[in-house]
Amino acid sequence: MNEDELNKRLDALHARLTWISDTEARAAWIQAYGANGEFDQERTKILTDAEDVLDQLVALGGGPKFQYK
């Protein structure tokens, strides 16, 4: 993958993590699906995938498109 593709992958992973967080927050109010850790395994896999993508970016000499200054 090139740098642009890796950054797009990070965008997709970020979007999914945001969705999971929002779903869990809403579920907590009404004890719906997601309130009891149903997304924990998926979140862990996403974070592992994100670390792998970041490692690939570093190996390419690039970095995430958003960086702290």
N, C-alpha and C. Protein backbone atom coordinates (compact mmCIF):
# COMPACT_ATOMS: atom_id res chain seq x y z
N MET A 1 0.84 -1.18 0.00
CA MET A 1 0.00 0.00 0.00
C MET A 1 0.88 1.24 0.00
N ASN A 2 0.40 2.28 -0.66
CA ASN A 2 1.15 3.54 -0.62
C ASN A 2 0.62 4.42 0.52
N GLU A 3 1.26 5.55 0.71
CA GLU A 3 0.92 6.42 1.84
C GLU A 3 -0.53 6.88 1.81
N ASP A 4 -1.03 7.23 0.63
CA ASP A 4 -2.42 7.68 0.51
C ASP A 4 -3.40 6.58 0.90
N GLU A 5 -3.14 5.36 0.44
CA GLU A 5 -4.01 4.22 0.77
C GLU A 5 -3.99 3.93 2.27
N LEU A 6 -2.81 4.02 2.87
CA LEU A 6 -2.70 3.78 4.31
C LEU A 6 -3.45 4.84 5.10
N ASN A 7 -3.36 6.09 4.68
CA ASN A 7 -4.10 7.14 5.36
C ASN A 7 -5.61 6.97 5.19
N LYS A 8 -6.04 6.48 4.04
CA LYS A 8 -7.47 6.20 3.84
C LYS A 8 -7.91 5.07 4.76
N ARG A 9 -7.05 4.08 4.94
CA ARG A 9 -7.35 2.97 5.86
C ARG A 9 -7.49 3.50 7.28
N LEU A 10 -6.59 4.40 7.68
CA LEU A 10 -6.70 5.02 9.01
C LEU A 10 -8.01 5.77 9.16
N ASP A 11 -8.43 6.47 8.10
CA ASP A 11 -9.72 7.18 8.13
C ASP A 11 -10.87 6.22 8.38
N ALA A 12 -10.84 5.08 7.70
CA ALA A 12 -11.90 4.08 7.85
C ALA A 12 -11.91 3.50 9.26
N LEU A 13 -10.73 3.21 9.78
CA LEU A 13 -10.64 2.69 11.15
C LEU A 13 -11.14 3.72 12.16
N HIS A 14 -10.78 4.96 11.95
CA HIS A 14 -11.23 6.04 12.84
C HIS A 14 -12.76 6.18 12.80
N ALA A 15 -13.33 6.12 11.61
CA ALA A 15 -14.78 6.23 11.47
C ALA A 15 -15.49 5.10 12.22
N ARG A 16 -14.97 3.90 12.11
CA ARG A 16 -15.59 2.76 12.80
C ARG A 16 -15.46 2.90 14.31
N LEU A 17 -14.31 3.35 14.79
CA LEU A 17 -14.15 3.56 16.24
C LEU A 17 -15.10 4.63 16.75
N THR A 18 -15.29 5.67 15.96
CA THR A 18 -16.23 6.73 16.33
C THR A 18 -17.64 6.18 16.42
N TRP A 19 -18.01 5.37 15.43
CA TRP A 19 -19.35 4.77 15.43
C TRP A 19 -19.54 3.89 16.66
N ILE A 20 -18.54 3.07 16.97
CA ILE A 20 -18.63 2.19 18.15
C ILE A 20 -18.78 3.02 19.42
N SER A 21 -17.99 4.07 19.56
CA SER A 21 -18.06 4.92 20.76
C SER A 21 -19.43 5.57 20.89
N ASP A 22 -19.94 6.09 19.80
CA ASP A 22 -21.27 6.71 19.82
C ASP A 22 -22.36 5.70 20.18
N THR A 23 -22.27 4.52 19.58
CA THR A 23 -23.26 3.47 19.84
C THR A 23 -23.22 3.05 21.31
N GLU A 24 -22.03 2.86 21.84
CA GLU A 24 -21.91 2.46 23.24
C GLU A 24 -22.43 3.54 24.18
N ALA A 25 -22.16 4.79 23.85
CA ALA A 25 -22.63 5.88 24.71
C ALA A 25 -24.16 5.94 24.72
N ARG A 26 -24.77 5.82 23.54
CA ARG A 26 -26.23 5.83 23.48
C ARG A 26 -26.82 4.60 24.16
N ALA A 27 -26.18 3.45 23.98
CA ALA A 27 -26.67 2.20 24.55
C ALA A 27 -26.64 2.21 26.07
N ALA A 28 -25.66 2.91 26.62
CA ALA A 28 -25.53 2.95 28.08
C ALA A 28 -26.76 3.57 28.74
N TRP A 29 -27.39 4.50 28.08
CA TRP A 29 -28.57 5.16 28.65
C TRP A 29 -29.77 4.23 28.75
N ILE A 30 -29.89 3.30 27.81
CA ILE A 30 -31.08 2.44 27.79
C ILE A 30 -30.74 0.96 27.91
N GLN A 31 -29.51 0.66 28.25
CA GLN A 31 -29.04 -0.72 28.39
C GLN A 31 -29.32 -1.54 27.13
N ALA A 32 -29.03 -0.96 25.98
CA ALA A 32 -29.20 -1.63 24.69
C ALA A 32 -27.90 -2.33 24.29
N TYR A 33 -27.95 -2.95 23.10
CA TYR A 33 -26.77 -3.66 22.59
C TYR A 33 -25.59 -2.68 22.49
N GLY A 34 -24.49 -3.05 23.08
CA GLY A 34 -23.29 -2.22 23.11
C GLY A 34 -22.99 -1.68 24.50
N ALA A 35 -23.97 -1.76 25.37
CA ALA A 35 -23.78 -1.22 26.72
C ALA A 35 -22.93 -2.12 27.61
N ASN A 36 -22.81 -3.36 27.22
CA ASN A 36 -22.13 -4.34 28.08
C ASN A 36 -20.88 -4.93 27.45
N GLY A 37 -20.18 -4.14 26.65
CA GLY A 37 -18.91 -4.58 26.11
C GLY A 37 -18.97 -5.43 24.86
N GLU A 38 -20.12 -5.41 24.18
CA GLU A 38 -20.26 -6.24 22.98
C GLU A 38 -19.28 -5.87 21.87
N PHE A 39 -18.76 -4.65 21.88
CA PHE A 39 -17.84 -4.20 20.83
C PHE A 39 -16.37 -4.25 21.25
N ASP A 40 -16.09 -4.79 22.42
CA ASP A 40 -14.72 -4.79 22.92
C ASP A 40 -13.74 -5.52 22.01
N GLN A 41 -14.11 -6.68 21.51
CA GLN A 41 -13.21 -7.44 20.63
C GLN A 41 -12.95 -6.68 19.33
N GLU A 42 -14.01 -6.10 18.77
CA GLU A 42 -13.83 -5.36 17.52
C GLU A 42 -12.95 -4.14 17.74
N ARG A 43 -13.16 -3.43 18.87
CA ARG A 43 -12.35 -2.25 19.16
C ARG A 43 -10.87 -2.63 19.28
N THR A 44 -10.59 -3.72 19.95
CA THR A 44 -9.22 -4.18 20.12
C THR A 44 -8.59 -4.51 18.76
N LYS A 45 -9.36 -5.17 17.89
CA LYS A 45 -8.85 -5.49 16.55
C LYS A 45 -8.59 -4.23 15.75
N ILE A 46 -9.48 -3.26 15.83
CA ILE A 46 -9.30 -2.01 15.10
C ILE A 46 -8.04 -1.29 15.58
N LEU A 47 -7.83 -1.24 16.88
CA LEU A 47 -6.64 -0.58 17.41
C LEU A 47 -5.36 -1.30 16.97
N THR A 48 -5.39 -2.62 16.93
CA THR A 48 -4.25 -3.39 16.45
C THR A 48 -4.01 -3.10 14.97
N ASP A 49 -5.08 -3.06 14.19
CA ASP A 49 -4.95 -2.73 12.77
C ASP A 49 -4.38 -1.33 12.57
N ALA A 50 -4.84 -0.38 13.38
CA ALA A 50 -4.35 0.99 13.27
C ALA A 50 -2.85 1.06 13.59
N GLU A 51 -2.41 0.32 14.60
CA GLU A 51 -0.98 0.28 14.91
C GLU A 51 -0.18 -0.27 13.74
N ASP A 52 -0.71 -1.32 13.10
CA ASP A 52 -0.03 -1.90 11.94
C ASP A 52 0.07 -0.89 10.79
N VAL A 53 -1.01 -0.17 10.55
CA VAL A 53 -1.01 0.84 9.49
C VAL A 53 0.01 1.93 9.80
N LEU A 54 0.05 2.37 11.04
CA LEU A 54 1.02 3.40 11.43
C LEU A 54 2.45 2.90 11.26
N ASP A 55 2.69 1.64 11.62
CA ASP A 55 4.03 1.06 11.42
C ASP A 55 4.40 1.04 9.93
N GLN A 56 3.42 0.72 9.08
CA GLN A 56 3.68 0.71 7.64
C GLN A 56 3.99 2.11 7.13
N LEU A 57 3.27 3.11 7.65
CA LEU A 57 3.53 4.50 7.26
C LEU A 57 4.95 4.92 7.64
N VAL A 58 5.36 4.56 8.84
CA VAL A 58 6.72 4.89 9.29
C VAL A 58 7.75 4.20 8.40
N ALA A 59 7.49 2.94 8.05
CA ALA A 59 8.42 2.20 7.19
C ALA A 59 8.55 2.83 5.81
N LEU A 60 7.47 3.47 5.35
CA LEU A 60 7.50 4.17 4.05
C LEU A 60 8.17 5.53 4.15
N GLY A 61 8.43 5.97 5.37
CA GLY A 61 9.00 7.30 5.56
C GLY A 61 7.94 8.36 5.67
N GLY A 62 6.71 7.94 5.72
CA GLY A 62 5.59 8.89 5.84
C GLY A 62 5.06 8.91 7.25
N GLY A 63 3.89 9.41 7.38
CA GLY A 63 3.25 9.46 8.67
C GLY A 63 1.78 9.75 8.48
N PRO A 64 1.03 9.71 9.56
CA PRO A 64 -0.39 10.01 9.44
C PRO A 64 -0.58 11.43 8.93
N LYS A 65 -1.66 11.67 8.20
CA LYS A 65 -1.85 12.99 7.60
C LYS A 65 -2.09 14.07 8.65
N PHE A 66 -2.56 13.66 9.83
CA PHE A 66 -2.76 14.62 10.92
C PHE A 66 -1.72 14.35 11.99
N GLN A 67 -0.89 15.33 12.28
CA GLN A 67 0.16 15.16 13.26
C GLN A 67 0.16 16.33 14.22
N TYR A 68 0.53 16.05 15.48
CA TYR A 68 0.66 17.12 16.46
C TYR A 68 1.89 17.95 16.12
N LYS A 69 1.79 19.22 16.35
CA LYS A 69 2.92 20.11 16.08
C LYS A 69 3.54 20.58 17.37
